Protein backbone atom coordinates (compact mmCIF):
# COMPACT_ATOMS: atom_id res chain seq x y z
CA UNK A 1 -27.56 11.71 36.75
CA UNK A 2 -29.34 10.08 33.84
CA UNK A 3 -31.26 6.85 33.93
CA UNK A 4 -28.54 4.88 32.15
CA UNK A 5 -25.83 6.15 34.48
CA UNK A 6 -27.98 5.27 37.50
CA UNK A 7 -28.53 1.75 36.18
CA UNK A 8 -24.82 1.30 35.54
CA UNK A 9 -24.00 2.50 39.05
CA UNK A 10 -26.53 0.08 40.55
CA UNK A 11 -25.20 -2.78 38.43
CA UNK A 12 -21.67 -2.11 39.72
CA UNK A 13 -22.90 -2.78 43.26
CA UNK A 14 -24.31 -6.20 42.39
CA UNK A 15 -22.47 -9.46 43.06
CA UNK A 16 -20.59 -10.86 40.07
CA UNK A 17 -23.20 -13.54 39.27
CA UNK A 18 -26.00 -10.98 39.23
CA UNK A 19 -23.96 -8.61 37.04
CA UNK A 20 -23.48 -11.46 34.58
CA UNK A 21 -27.25 -12.05 34.50
CA UNK A 22 -27.81 -8.35 33.76
CA UNK A 23 -25.26 -8.43 30.91
CA UNK A 24 -26.87 -11.54 29.41
CA UNK A 25 -30.35 -10.01 29.65
CA UNK A 26 -29.20 -6.82 27.91
CA UNK A 27 -27.42 -8.78 25.18
CA UNK A 28 -30.49 -10.96 24.63
CA UNK A 29 -32.73 -7.92 24.39
CA UNK A 30 -30.45 -6.34 21.77
CA UNK A 31 -30.53 -9.44 19.60
CA UNK A 32 -34.31 -9.75 19.94
CA UNK A 33 -34.79 -6.14 18.81
CA UNK A 34 -33.18 -6.71 15.42
CA UNK A 35 -35.07 -7.40 12.23
CA UNK A 36 -33.10 -10.61 11.68
CA UNK A 37 -35.10 -13.64 12.75
CA UNK A 38 -33.48 -15.49 15.66
CA UNK A 39 -31.43 -18.44 14.52
CA UNK A 40 -30.83 -17.23 10.96
CA UNK A 41 -27.20 -16.28 11.61
CA UNK A 42 -24.85 -18.96 12.83
CA UNK A 43 -21.37 -19.28 14.24
CA UNK A 44 -19.19 -17.06 16.40
CA UNK A 45 -20.38 -13.85 14.71
CA UNK A 46 -24.11 -14.47 15.20
CA UNK A 47 -24.56 -11.67 17.72
CA UNK A 48 -22.52 -9.20 15.65
CA UNK A 49 -24.43 -10.03 12.47
CA UNK A 50 -27.73 -9.65 14.27
CA UNK A 51 -26.73 -6.16 15.41
CA UNK A 52 -25.33 -5.07 12.02
CA UNK A 53 -26.90 -1.86 10.84
CA UNK A 54 -28.66 -1.12 14.13
CA UNK A 55 -26.19 1.45 15.44
CA UNK A 56 -24.87 4.78 14.20
CA UNK A 57 -21.66 6.67 14.65
CA UNK A 58 -20.74 10.24 13.83
CA UNK A 59 -17.23 9.08 12.90
CA UNK A 60 -16.29 9.86 9.31
CA UNK A 61 -13.56 8.28 7.26
CA UNK A 62 -12.20 8.47 3.72
CA UNK A 63 -15.12 6.46 2.30
CA UNK A 64 -17.59 8.95 3.76
CA UNK A 65 -15.97 11.79 1.81
CA UNK A 66 -14.84 9.70 -1.15
CA UNK A 67 -16.33 11.96 -3.80
CA UNK A 68 -14.53 14.99 -2.39
CA UNK A 69 -11.25 13.05 -2.43
CA UNK A 70 -11.85 11.62 -5.89
CA UNK A 71 -12.67 15.07 -7.24
CA UNK A 72 -9.37 16.37 -5.90
CA UNK A 73 -7.45 13.51 -7.50
CA UNK A 74 -9.19 13.85 -10.88
CA UNK A 75 -8.83 17.64 -10.85
CA UNK A 76 -5.08 17.34 -10.31
CA UNK A 77 -4.83 14.83 -13.18
CA UNK A 78 -6.70 17.08 -15.63
CA UNK A 79 -4.49 20.04 -14.76
CA UNK A 80 -1.45 18.07 -15.94
CA UNK A 81 -2.95 17.20 -19.35
């Protein structure tokens, strides 16, 4: 079992109040690790804005392959001319 899984398992055994403290500590540490100075973002999206750009996903969508899709569209248009 990895370190993260072990921590999660231990956190599950904690009383609710202690689990909440762990969650708050983790959230605070994530915000502090960003390059955005604390207090520069405001409102209900402060935490999300502070984390923007700090994570990565392997998920691809149309915008990831936009040039491939655009090439297909333009190629089909030039064939008709």
